[in-house]
Amino acid sequence: ATTELLARQKTRKTLETYVSPNVAAFILQNQDAYQAAQAGVRKPCTILFSDIRGFTTITENSPDETQLVEYLNEYLTEMVHCVFEYGGTLHKFIGDAVMAVWGDTHSYGAKADAMAAVMTTLAMRRELARLNEKWTQEGKRTLKIGIGLNHGTVVVGAIGSLESPQRLEFTVIGDAVNVASRVESATKAQ
């Protein structure tokens, strides 16, 4: 029993390197449901997109690539902590952008999922303010972000290439995802 427990813990730790902790738990605890979800299921979900304003310009003007990557990774680490704190699934990084979802692997109901996403946006803003204060003291550039949220029915599944090498992502697709992305883009007009 101990050997099996250690093997499961090792498998979970390995999975969590590649997917959100809640996806790893979902895979290990609900293998039949995960197999069904990989094929595609419709679910009500709340989708979050967050993007750093002007990061392409920062990248192009950075004299030190190593410091730039460390800077971005510090930011992304804290944003991911916010997502996980409120039970979200980190779906992907799109350059300096973050995509997270509530309701994909498990749901506490539409209202609770949406509220968790809103709480995440507030936590992200607080954490960015803390990082900006720290970076100011270190003589580094501060960052601004835009965040978009939307709730709606999406298709959850394993999306990607089936040819070798196989590359699939557990993600969501649909109009509600597109709207969340557009809401985030609309925050640039401020």
N, C-alpha and C. Protein backbone atom coordinates (compact mmCIF):
# COMPACT_ATOMS: atom_id res chain seq x y z
N ALA A 1 0.83 -1.19 0.00
CA ALA A 1 0.00 0.00 0.00
C ALA A 1 0.87 1.26 0.00
N THR A 2 1.96 1.21 0.77
CA THR A 2 2.87 2.37 0.83
C THR A 2 3.52 2.61 -0.52
N THR A 3 3.94 1.53 -1.18
CA THR A 3 4.57 1.65 -2.49
C THR A 3 3.59 2.25 -3.50
N GLU A 4 2.34 1.79 -3.45
CA GLU A 4 1.32 2.33 -4.36
C GLU A 4 1.05 3.80 -4.08
N LEU A 5 0.99 4.18 -2.80
CA LEU A 5 0.78 5.57 -2.43
C LEU A 5 1.93 6.44 -2.93
N LEU A 6 3.16 5.99 -2.73
CA LEU A 6 4.32 6.74 -3.21
C LEU A 6 4.31 6.88 -4.73
N ALA A 7 3.92 5.81 -5.42
CA ALA A 7 3.85 5.86 -6.89
C ALA A 7 2.80 6.86 -7.34
N ARG A 8 1.64 6.88 -6.66
CA ARG A 8 0.59 7.84 -7.02
C ARG A 8 1.05 9.28 -6.77
N GLN A 9 1.75 9.49 -5.64
CA GLN A 9 2.26 10.82 -5.33
C GLN A 9 3.28 11.27 -6.38
N LYS A 10 4.14 10.35 -6.80
CA LYS A 10 5.14 10.67 -7.82
C LYS A 10 4.45 10.99 -9.15
N THR A 11 3.45 10.19 -9.50
CA THR A 11 2.69 10.43 -10.74
C THR A 11 2.00 11.79 -10.68
N ARG A 12 1.38 12.09 -9.54
CA ARG A 12 0.69 13.39 -9.39
C ARG A 12 1.68 14.54 -9.51
N LYS A 13 2.83 14.43 -8.84
CA LYS A 13 3.86 15.48 -8.89
C LYS A 13 4.33 15.69 -10.33
N THR A 14 4.53 14.60 -11.05
CA THR A 14 4.95 14.69 -12.45
C THR A 14 3.87 15.36 -13.29
N LEU A 15 2.62 14.95 -13.11
CA LEU A 15 1.51 15.57 -13.85
C LEU A 15 1.42 17.06 -13.57
N GLU A 16 1.61 17.45 -12.30
CA GLU A 16 1.49 18.86 -11.93
C GLU A 16 2.58 19.72 -12.54
N THR A 17 3.62 19.10 -13.07
CA THR A 17 4.65 19.84 -13.80
C THR A 17 4.11 20.30 -15.15
N TYR A 18 3.16 19.56 -15.68
CA TYR A 18 2.64 19.83 -17.03
C TYR A 18 1.24 20.41 -17.05
N VAL A 19 0.45 20.14 -16.01
CA VAL A 19 -0.93 20.63 -15.96
C VAL A 19 -1.22 21.21 -14.58
N SER A 20 -2.29 21.96 -14.47
CA SER A 20 -2.71 22.54 -13.19
C SER A 20 -2.96 21.42 -12.18
N PRO A 21 -2.76 21.73 -10.89
CA PRO A 21 -3.01 20.71 -9.85
C PRO A 21 -4.42 20.13 -9.91
N ASN A 22 -5.42 20.97 -10.24
CA ASN A 22 -6.78 20.42 -10.28
C ASN A 22 -6.98 19.51 -11.50
N VAL A 23 -6.26 19.73 -12.59
CA VAL A 23 -6.33 18.81 -13.73
C VAL A 23 -5.66 17.50 -13.35
N ALA A 24 -4.51 17.56 -12.68
CA ALA A 24 -3.82 16.35 -12.23
C ALA A 24 -4.73 15.54 -11.31
N ALA A 25 -5.37 16.21 -10.35
CA ALA A 25 -6.28 15.52 -9.44
C ALA A 25 -7.46 14.91 -10.20
N PHE A 26 -8.00 15.67 -11.15
CA PHE A 26 -9.12 15.19 -11.96
C PHE A 26 -8.73 13.93 -12.73
N ILE A 27 -7.55 13.93 -13.33
CA ILE A 27 -7.08 12.77 -14.09
C ILE A 27 -6.94 11.55 -13.18
N LEU A 28 -6.31 11.75 -12.03
CA LEU A 28 -6.03 10.62 -11.14
C LEU A 28 -7.26 10.11 -10.41
N GLN A 29 -8.19 10.99 -10.07
CA GLN A 29 -9.35 10.58 -9.28
C GLN A 29 -10.56 10.19 -10.12
N ASN A 30 -10.63 10.69 -11.35
CA ASN A 30 -11.82 10.46 -12.19
C ASN A 30 -11.41 10.05 -13.59
N GLN A 31 -10.72 8.94 -13.71
CA GLN A 31 -10.15 8.58 -15.00
C GLN A 31 -11.21 8.40 -16.09
N ASP A 32 -12.38 7.85 -15.76
CA ASP A 32 -13.44 7.70 -16.76
C ASP A 32 -13.97 9.06 -17.20
N ALA A 33 -14.18 9.96 -16.24
CA ALA A 33 -14.67 11.30 -16.57
C ALA A 33 -13.62 12.06 -17.38
N TYR A 34 -12.34 11.88 -17.04
CA TYR A 34 -11.28 12.54 -17.80
C TYR A 34 -11.24 12.03 -19.24
N GLN A 35 -11.39 10.73 -19.42
CA GLN A 35 -11.40 10.17 -20.78
C GLN A 35 -12.56 10.76 -21.58
N ALA A 36 -13.72 10.89 -20.95
CA ALA A 36 -14.88 11.49 -21.63
C ALA A 36 -14.61 12.96 -21.95
N ALA A 37 -13.99 13.67 -21.01
CA ALA A 37 -13.70 15.09 -21.22
C ALA A 37 -12.69 15.28 -22.34
N GLN A 38 -11.74 14.37 -22.48
CA GLN A 38 -10.77 14.49 -23.56
C GLN A 38 -11.45 14.47 -24.92
N ALA A 39 -12.50 13.67 -25.04
CA ALA A 39 -13.22 13.58 -26.31
C ALA A 39 -14.03 14.83 -26.58
N GLY A 40 -14.37 15.58 -25.54
CA GLY A 40 -15.12 16.82 -25.69
C GLY A 40 -16.46 16.77 -25.00
N VAL A 41 -16.70 17.69 -24.08
CA VAL A 41 -17.98 17.83 -23.39
C VAL A 41 -18.32 19.31 -23.29
N ARG A 42 -19.60 19.61 -23.29
CA ARG A 42 -20.05 21.00 -23.11
C ARG A 42 -20.27 21.25 -21.63
N LYS A 43 -19.71 22.38 -21.17
CA LYS A 43 -19.84 22.75 -19.76
C LYS A 43 -19.93 24.26 -19.64
N PRO A 44 -20.66 24.74 -18.64
CA PRO A 44 -20.61 26.17 -18.34
C PRO A 44 -19.30 26.46 -17.59
N CYS A 45 -18.55 27.42 -18.07
CA CYS A 45 -17.26 27.76 -17.47
C CYS A 45 -17.08 29.27 -17.43
N THR A 46 -16.20 29.72 -16.55
CA THR A 46 -15.77 31.11 -16.50
C THR A 46 -14.34 31.15 -16.98
N ILE A 47 -14.07 32.02 -17.94
CA ILE A 47 -12.76 32.11 -18.58
C ILE A 47 -12.12 33.45 -18.26
N LEU A 48 -10.81 33.42 -17.93
CA LEU A 48 -10.04 34.62 -17.63
C LEU A 48 -8.87 34.72 -18.60
N PHE A 49 -8.69 35.89 -19.15
CA PHE A 49 -7.47 36.22 -19.91
C PHE A 49 -6.84 37.43 -19.24
N SER A 50 -5.53 37.38 -19.04
CA SER A 50 -4.78 38.50 -18.49
C SER A 50 -3.55 38.70 -19.36
N ASP A 51 -3.23 39.97 -19.62
CA ASP A 51 -2.12 40.28 -20.52
C ASP A 51 -1.38 41.51 -20.00
N ILE A 52 -0.05 41.48 -20.12
CA ILE A 52 0.76 42.62 -19.73
C ILE A 52 0.70 43.67 -20.85
N ARG A 53 0.46 44.91 -20.48
CA ARG A 53 0.42 46.00 -21.45
C ARG A 53 1.84 46.37 -21.89
N GLY A 54 2.04 46.41 -23.21
CA GLY A 54 3.31 46.88 -23.78
C GLY A 54 4.48 45.94 -23.58
N PHE A 55 4.23 44.67 -23.31
CA PHE A 55 5.35 43.78 -23.03
C PHE A 55 6.20 43.49 -24.26
N THR A 56 5.61 43.54 -25.44
CA THR A 56 6.41 43.34 -26.66
C THR A 56 7.47 44.42 -26.77
N THR A 57 7.10 45.66 -26.48
CA THR A 57 8.07 46.76 -26.52
C THR A 57 9.15 46.56 -25.46
N ILE A 58 8.74 46.12 -24.27
CA ILE A 58 9.72 45.84 -23.21
C ILE A 58 10.69 44.76 -23.70
N THR A 59 10.16 43.73 -24.32
CA THR A 59 11.00 42.63 -24.83
C THR A 59 11.99 43.14 -25.87
N GLU A 60 11.51 43.93 -26.82
CA GLU A 60 12.37 44.42 -27.90
C GLU A 60 13.45 45.36 -27.39
N ASN A 61 13.18 46.09 -26.31
CA ASN A 61 14.13 47.07 -25.79
C ASN A 61 14.99 46.55 -24.65
N SER A 62 14.79 45.30 -24.26
CA SER A 62 15.55 44.75 -23.14
C SER A 62 16.98 44.42 -23.55
N PRO A 63 17.96 44.95 -22.80
CA PRO A 63 19.35 44.65 -23.13
C PRO A 63 19.81 43.30 -22.58
N ASP A 64 19.04 42.71 -21.66
CA ASP A 64 19.46 41.47 -21.01
C ASP A 64 18.32 40.45 -21.05
N GLU A 65 18.45 39.47 -21.93
CA GLU A 65 17.40 38.48 -22.12
C GLU A 65 17.18 37.63 -20.87
N THR A 66 18.26 37.30 -20.18
CA THR A 66 18.15 36.47 -18.98
C THR A 66 17.33 37.19 -17.91
N GLN A 67 17.63 38.48 -17.69
CA GLN A 67 16.86 39.25 -16.71
C GLN A 67 15.41 39.41 -17.15
N LEU A 68 15.18 39.57 -18.44
CA LEU A 68 13.81 39.69 -18.95
C LEU A 68 13.01 38.43 -18.65
N VAL A 69 13.60 37.27 -18.91
CA VAL A 69 12.91 36.01 -18.65
C VAL A 69 12.66 35.83 -17.15
N GLU A 70 13.64 36.17 -16.31
CA GLU A 70 13.45 36.09 -14.86
C GLU A 70 12.33 37.01 -14.39
N TYR A 71 12.29 38.21 -14.94
CA TYR A 71 11.26 39.22 -14.62
C TYR A 71 9.87 38.69 -14.99
N LEU A 72 9.75 38.18 -16.21
CA LEU A 72 8.46 37.64 -16.66
C LEU A 72 8.07 36.43 -15.83
N ASN A 73 9.01 35.54 -15.55
CA ASN A 73 8.69 34.35 -14.76
C ASN A 73 8.28 34.70 -13.34
N GLU A 74 8.89 35.73 -12.76
CA GLU A 74 8.48 36.18 -11.42
C GLU A 74 7.03 36.64 -11.46
N TYR A 75 6.69 37.44 -12.45
CA TYR A 75 5.32 37.92 -12.61
C TYR A 75 4.35 36.74 -12.81
N LEU A 76 4.66 35.85 -13.76
CA LEU A 76 3.76 34.74 -14.07
C LEU A 76 3.58 33.81 -12.87
N THR A 77 4.65 33.58 -12.13
CA THR A 77 4.55 32.73 -10.94
C THR A 77 3.50 33.27 -9.97
N GLU A 78 3.54 34.56 -9.73
CA GLU A 78 2.59 35.16 -8.79
C GLU A 78 1.17 35.15 -9.33
N MET A 79 1.00 35.37 -10.63
CA MET A 79 -0.33 35.34 -11.22
C MET A 79 -0.92 33.93 -11.15
N VAL A 80 -0.09 32.93 -11.39
CA VAL A 80 -0.55 31.53 -11.31
C VAL A 80 -0.94 31.18 -9.87
N HIS A 81 -0.19 31.67 -8.89
CA HIS A 81 -0.59 31.45 -7.49
C HIS A 81 -1.99 31.98 -7.24
N CYS A 82 -2.30 33.13 -7.82
CA CYS A 82 -3.64 33.71 -7.65
C CYS A 82 -4.71 32.80 -8.25
N VAL A 83 -4.43 32.28 -9.44
CA VAL A 83 -5.38 31.37 -10.11
C VAL A 83 -5.62 30.14 -9.25
N PHE A 84 -4.54 29.52 -8.76
CA PHE A 84 -4.66 28.30 -7.97
C PHE A 84 -5.32 28.57 -6.61
N GLU A 85 -5.05 29.74 -6.04
CA GLU A 85 -5.63 30.07 -4.74
C GLU A 85 -7.16 30.02 -4.78
N TYR A 86 -7.73 30.38 -5.92
CA TYR A 86 -9.18 30.41 -6.07
C TYR A 86 -9.71 29.26 -6.93
N GLY A 87 -8.93 28.18 -7.02
CA GLY A 87 -9.42 26.94 -7.63
C GLY A 87 -9.52 26.94 -9.14
N GLY A 88 -8.84 27.85 -9.81
CA GLY A 88 -8.88 27.88 -11.27
C GLY A 88 -7.91 26.90 -11.89
N THR A 89 -8.12 26.63 -13.16
CA THR A 89 -7.22 25.80 -13.94
C THR A 89 -6.39 26.71 -14.83
N LEU A 90 -5.08 26.63 -14.73
CA LEU A 90 -4.21 27.35 -15.66
C LEU A 90 -4.25 26.58 -16.97
N HIS A 91 -4.79 27.19 -18.01
CA HIS A 91 -4.85 26.51 -19.29
C HIS A 91 -3.60 26.71 -20.11
N LYS A 92 -3.11 27.94 -20.13
CA LYS A 92 -1.89 28.16 -20.91
C LYS A 92 -1.34 29.55 -20.69
N PHE A 93 -0.08 29.68 -21.07
CA PHE A 93 0.56 30.97 -21.22
C PHE A 93 0.59 31.24 -22.71
N ILE A 94 0.25 32.44 -23.08
CA ILE A 94 0.31 32.86 -24.49
C ILE A 94 1.27 34.03 -24.49
N GLY A 95 2.57 33.72 -24.59
CA GLY A 95 3.58 34.75 -24.40
C GLY A 95 3.52 35.23 -22.97
N ASP A 96 3.20 36.51 -22.78
CA ASP A 96 3.09 37.07 -21.44
C ASP A 96 1.65 37.04 -20.92
N ALA A 97 0.74 36.45 -21.67
CA ALA A 97 -0.67 36.37 -21.27
C ALA A 97 -0.93 35.07 -20.51
N VAL A 98 -1.96 35.13 -19.67
CA VAL A 98 -2.40 33.98 -18.89
C VAL A 98 -3.85 33.67 -19.27
N MET A 99 -4.14 32.39 -19.48
CA MET A 99 -5.52 31.94 -19.69
C MET A 99 -5.85 30.95 -18.59
N ALA A 100 -6.93 31.22 -17.85
CA ALA A 100 -7.36 30.34 -16.77
C ALA A 100 -8.87 30.12 -16.88
N VAL A 101 -9.33 28.99 -16.31
CA VAL A 101 -10.73 28.61 -16.43
C VAL A 101 -11.23 28.04 -15.10
N TRP A 102 -12.51 28.32 -14.80
CA TRP A 102 -13.21 27.73 -13.66
C TRP A 102 -14.40 26.97 -14.20
N GLY A 103 -14.60 25.74 -13.70
CA GLY A 103 -15.74 24.93 -14.11
C GLY A 103 -15.39 23.85 -15.11
N ASP A 104 -14.13 23.76 -15.51
CA ASP A 104 -13.75 22.78 -16.52
C ASP A 104 -13.54 21.38 -15.94
N THR A 105 -12.75 21.25 -14.89
CA THR A 105 -12.50 19.94 -14.29
C THR A 105 -13.51 19.63 -13.20
N HIS A 106 -13.97 20.64 -12.52
CA HIS A 106 -14.98 20.51 -11.48
C HIS A 106 -15.66 21.87 -11.34
N SER A 107 -16.86 21.85 -10.80
CA SER A 107 -17.59 23.10 -10.66
C SER A 107 -18.30 23.14 -9.31
N TYR A 108 -18.33 24.33 -8.75
CA TYR A 108 -19.11 24.55 -7.54
C TYR A 108 -20.40 25.30 -7.86
N GLY A 109 -20.73 25.32 -9.15
CA GLY A 109 -21.89 26.05 -9.63
C GLY A 109 -21.45 27.31 -10.34
N ALA A 110 -22.25 27.75 -11.28
CA ALA A 110 -21.89 28.90 -12.12
C ALA A 110 -21.56 30.14 -11.30
N LYS A 111 -22.39 30.44 -10.30
CA LYS A 111 -22.17 31.64 -9.49
C LYS A 111 -20.86 31.55 -8.71
N ALA A 112 -20.62 30.41 -8.08
CA ALA A 112 -19.39 30.24 -7.29
C ALA A 112 -18.16 30.26 -8.19
N ASP A 113 -18.24 29.62 -9.36
CA ASP A 113 -17.11 29.63 -10.29
C ASP A 113 -16.80 31.06 -10.76
N ALA A 114 -17.85 31.79 -11.12
CA ALA A 114 -17.66 33.18 -11.57
C ALA A 114 -17.10 34.04 -10.44
N MET A 115 -17.60 33.84 -9.22
CA MET A 115 -17.10 34.61 -8.09
C MET A 115 -15.63 34.29 -7.82
N ALA A 116 -15.23 33.03 -7.95
CA ALA A 116 -13.83 32.65 -7.76
C ALA A 116 -12.94 33.33 -8.80
N ALA A 117 -13.44 33.44 -10.03
CA ALA A 117 -12.68 34.12 -11.08
C ALA A 117 -12.54 35.61 -10.77
N VAL A 118 -13.61 36.22 -10.29
CA VAL A 118 -13.55 37.64 -9.92
C VAL A 118 -12.57 37.84 -8.76
N MET A 119 -12.61 36.96 -7.78
CA MET A 119 -11.67 37.05 -6.66
C MET A 119 -10.23 36.90 -7.15
N THR A 120 -10.04 36.07 -8.17
CA THR A 120 -8.70 35.91 -8.75
C THR A 120 -8.24 37.21 -9.38
N THR A 121 -9.11 37.89 -10.11
CA THR A 121 -8.70 39.16 -10.74
C THR A 121 -8.30 40.17 -9.69
N LEU A 122 -9.03 40.22 -8.59
CA LEU A 122 -8.69 41.15 -7.51
C LEU A 122 -7.35 40.77 -6.87
N ALA A 123 -7.12 39.48 -6.69
CA ALA A 123 -5.85 39.02 -6.14
C ALA A 123 -4.70 39.32 -7.10
N MET A 124 -4.94 39.17 -8.40
CA MET A 124 -3.90 39.49 -9.39
C MET A 124 -3.53 40.97 -9.32
N ARG A 125 -4.51 41.82 -9.19
CA ARG A 125 -4.25 43.26 -9.11
C ARG A 125 -3.46 43.61 -7.83
N ARG A 126 -3.86 42.98 -6.72
CA ARG A 126 -3.12 43.22 -5.46
C ARG A 126 -1.68 42.72 -5.58
N GLU A 127 -1.51 41.54 -6.15
CA GLU A 127 -0.17 40.96 -6.27
C GLU A 127 0.68 41.79 -7.22
N LEU A 128 0.10 42.29 -8.30
CA LEU A 128 0.86 43.14 -9.22
C LEU A 128 1.28 44.42 -8.51
N ALA A 129 0.41 45.00 -7.69
CA ALA A 129 0.78 46.21 -6.95
C ALA A 129 1.96 45.92 -6.02
N ARG A 130 1.94 44.75 -5.38
CA ARG A 130 3.05 44.36 -4.50
C ARG A 130 4.34 44.19 -5.32
N LEU A 131 4.24 43.49 -6.46
CA LEU A 131 5.41 43.31 -7.32
C LEU A 131 5.94 44.65 -7.83
N ASN A 132 5.04 45.53 -8.25
CA ASN A 132 5.47 46.85 -8.75
C ASN A 132 6.21 47.64 -7.68
N GLU A 133 5.73 47.56 -6.44
CA GLU A 133 6.41 48.25 -5.35
C GLU A 133 7.82 47.67 -5.16
N LYS A 134 7.92 46.37 -5.19
CA LYS A 134 9.21 45.69 -5.05
C LYS A 134 10.14 46.08 -6.20
N TRP A 135 9.60 46.04 -7.42
CA TRP A 135 10.43 46.35 -8.60
C TRP A 135 10.87 47.80 -8.59
N THR A 136 10.03 48.70 -8.14
CA THR A 136 10.41 50.12 -8.04
C THR A 136 11.60 50.27 -7.11
N GLN A 137 11.56 49.58 -5.98
CA GLN A 137 12.68 49.63 -5.02
C GLN A 137 13.95 49.04 -5.62
N GLU A 138 13.80 48.08 -6.56
CA GLU A 138 14.95 47.45 -7.20
C GLU A 138 15.40 48.21 -8.46
N GLY A 139 14.70 49.30 -8.76
CA GLY A 139 15.04 50.07 -9.96
C GLY A 139 14.58 49.44 -11.25
N LYS A 140 13.59 48.55 -11.17
CA LYS A 140 13.06 47.88 -12.36
C LYS A 140 11.78 48.56 -12.83
N ARG A 141 11.44 48.31 -14.06
CA ARG A 141 10.21 48.82 -14.66
C ARG A 141 9.00 48.18 -13.99
N THR A 142 7.93 48.95 -13.84
CA THR A 142 6.68 48.40 -13.32
C THR A 142 5.82 47.95 -14.50
N LEU A 143 4.82 47.15 -14.19
CA LEU A 143 3.95 46.60 -15.23
C LEU A 143 2.50 47.02 -15.01
N LYS A 144 1.76 47.05 -16.10
CA LYS A 144 0.30 47.21 -16.08
C LYS A 144 -0.29 46.01 -16.80
N ILE A 145 -1.48 45.58 -16.36
CA ILE A 145 -2.12 44.44 -17.01
C ILE A 145 -3.57 44.77 -17.34
N GLY A 146 -4.10 44.01 -18.26
CA GLY A 146 -5.52 44.04 -18.57
C GLY A 146 -6.07 42.65 -18.28
N ILE A 147 -7.30 42.59 -17.77
CA ILE A 147 -7.92 41.30 -17.45
C ILE A 147 -9.33 41.29 -18.04
N GLY A 148 -9.67 40.18 -18.68
CA GLY A 148 -11.02 39.99 -19.21
C GLY A 148 -11.61 38.71 -18.67
N LEU A 149 -12.89 38.76 -18.29
CA LEU A 149 -13.61 37.59 -17.79
C LEU A 149 -14.88 37.42 -18.59
N ASN A 150 -15.28 36.17 -18.78
CA ASN A 150 -16.58 35.88 -19.37
C ASN A 150 -17.03 34.51 -18.87
N HIS A 151 -18.34 34.35 -18.77
CA HIS A 151 -18.92 33.06 -18.38
C HIS A 151 -19.86 32.61 -19.49
N GLY A 152 -19.78 31.32 -19.83
CA GLY A 152 -20.67 30.78 -20.84
C GLY A 152 -20.39 29.30 -21.07
N THR A 153 -21.19 28.71 -21.92
CA THR A 153 -21.02 27.30 -22.23
C THR A 153 -19.92 27.14 -23.27
N VAL A 154 -18.99 26.24 -22.99
CA VAL A 154 -17.84 25.99 -23.86
C VAL A 154 -17.70 24.49 -24.06
N VAL A 155 -16.84 24.12 -25.00
CA VAL A 155 -16.47 22.72 -25.18
C VAL A 155 -15.13 22.53 -24.48
N VAL A 156 -15.08 21.57 -23.56
CA VAL A 156 -13.87 21.22 -22.83
C VAL A 156 -13.35 19.93 -23.45
N GLY A 157 -12.06 19.91 -23.78
CA GLY A 157 -11.50 18.68 -24.35
C GLY A 157 -10.02 18.77 -24.57
N ALA A 158 -9.47 17.67 -25.06
CA ALA A 158 -8.05 17.61 -25.43
C ALA A 158 -7.97 18.03 -26.89
N ILE A 159 -7.39 19.20 -27.13
CA ILE A 159 -7.35 19.81 -28.45
C ILE A 159 -5.90 19.87 -28.93
N GLY A 160 -5.67 19.52 -30.19
CA GLY A 160 -4.32 19.62 -30.72
C GLY A 160 -4.08 18.69 -31.88
N SER A 161 -2.84 18.33 -32.07
CA SER A 161 -2.42 17.49 -33.18
C SER A 161 -2.39 16.03 -32.76
N LEU A 162 -2.96 15.17 -33.58
CA LEU A 162 -2.94 13.74 -33.31
C LEU A 162 -1.79 13.03 -34.01
N GLU A 163 -1.06 13.78 -34.85
CA GLU A 163 0.06 13.18 -35.55
C GLU A 163 1.31 13.21 -34.68
N SER A 164 2.24 12.35 -35.01
CA SER A 164 3.47 12.26 -34.23
C SER A 164 4.36 13.46 -34.49
N PRO A 165 4.95 14.13 -33.51
CA PRO A 165 4.70 13.83 -32.10
C PRO A 165 3.36 14.42 -31.67
N GLN A 166 2.62 13.62 -30.95
CA GLN A 166 1.30 14.05 -30.49
C GLN A 166 1.44 15.20 -29.51
N ARG A 167 0.65 16.25 -29.72
CA ARG A 167 0.70 17.43 -28.85
C ARG A 167 -0.72 17.90 -28.62
N LEU A 168 -1.26 17.57 -27.46
CA LEU A 168 -2.62 17.94 -27.11
C LEU A 168 -2.61 18.82 -25.87
N GLU A 169 -3.59 19.71 -25.78
CA GLU A 169 -3.78 20.54 -24.60
C GLU A 169 -5.19 20.33 -24.09
N PHE A 170 -5.34 20.16 -22.79
CA PHE A 170 -6.65 20.13 -22.16
C PHE A 170 -7.10 21.58 -22.07
N THR A 171 -8.10 21.95 -22.85
CA THR A 171 -8.47 23.37 -22.92
C THR A 171 -9.96 23.53 -23.22
N VAL A 172 -10.37 24.76 -23.43
CA VAL A 172 -11.76 25.08 -23.74
C VAL A 172 -11.82 25.86 -25.04
N ILE A 173 -12.88 25.65 -25.79
CA ILE A 173 -13.10 26.38 -27.04
C ILE A 173 -14.56 26.81 -27.11
N GLY A 174 -14.80 27.88 -27.85
CA GLY A 174 -16.16 28.34 -28.05
C GLY A 174 -16.27 29.85 -27.96
N ASP A 175 -17.46 30.34 -28.23
CA ASP A 175 -17.70 31.77 -28.26
C ASP A 175 -17.40 32.44 -26.91
N ALA A 176 -17.72 31.77 -25.81
CA ALA A 176 -17.47 32.37 -24.49
C ALA A 176 -15.98 32.62 -24.27
N VAL A 177 -15.13 31.76 -24.83
CA VAL A 177 -13.68 31.95 -24.75
C VAL A 177 -13.28 33.18 -25.57
N ASN A 178 -13.81 33.29 -26.78
CA ASN A 178 -13.50 34.43 -27.64
C ASN A 178 -13.94 35.75 -27.01
N VAL A 179 -15.10 35.74 -26.37
CA VAL A 179 -15.58 36.97 -25.72
C VAL A 179 -14.65 37.37 -24.57
N ALA A 180 -14.21 36.39 -23.77
CA ALA A 180 -13.29 36.71 -22.66
C ALA A 180 -12.01 37.34 -23.20
N SER A 181 -11.50 36.81 -24.30
CA SER A 181 -10.29 37.36 -24.92
C SER A 181 -10.54 38.78 -25.43
N ARG A 182 -11.71 39.00 -26.03
CA ARG A 182 -12.04 40.34 -26.54
C ARG A 182 -12.24 41.35 -25.41
N VAL A 183 -12.81 40.90 -24.30
CA VAL A 183 -12.98 41.79 -23.15
C VAL A 183 -11.60 42.22 -22.65
N GLU A 184 -10.68 41.27 -22.56
CA GLU A 184 -9.33 41.61 -22.13
C GLU A 184 -8.71 42.62 -23.11
N SER A 185 -8.86 42.39 -24.41
CA SER A 185 -8.32 43.32 -25.41
C SER A 185 -8.94 44.70 -25.28
N ALA A 186 -10.23 44.76 -24.92
CA ALA A 186 -10.91 46.05 -24.79
C ALA A 186 -10.36 46.87 -23.64
N THR A 187 -9.69 46.23 -22.68
CA THR A 187 -9.13 46.99 -21.56
C THR A 187 -7.91 47.84 -22.01
N LYS A 188 -7.42 47.63 -23.22
CA LYS A 188 -6.30 48.41 -23.73
C LYS A 188 -6.71 49.83 -24.05
N ALA A 189 -8.00 50.05 -24.23
CA ALA A 189 -8.50 51.36 -24.66
C ALA A 189 -8.54 52.38 -23.53
N GLN A 190 -8.14 52.00 -22.32
CA GLN A 190 -8.22 52.92 -21.17
C GLN A 190 -7.35 54.12 -21.37
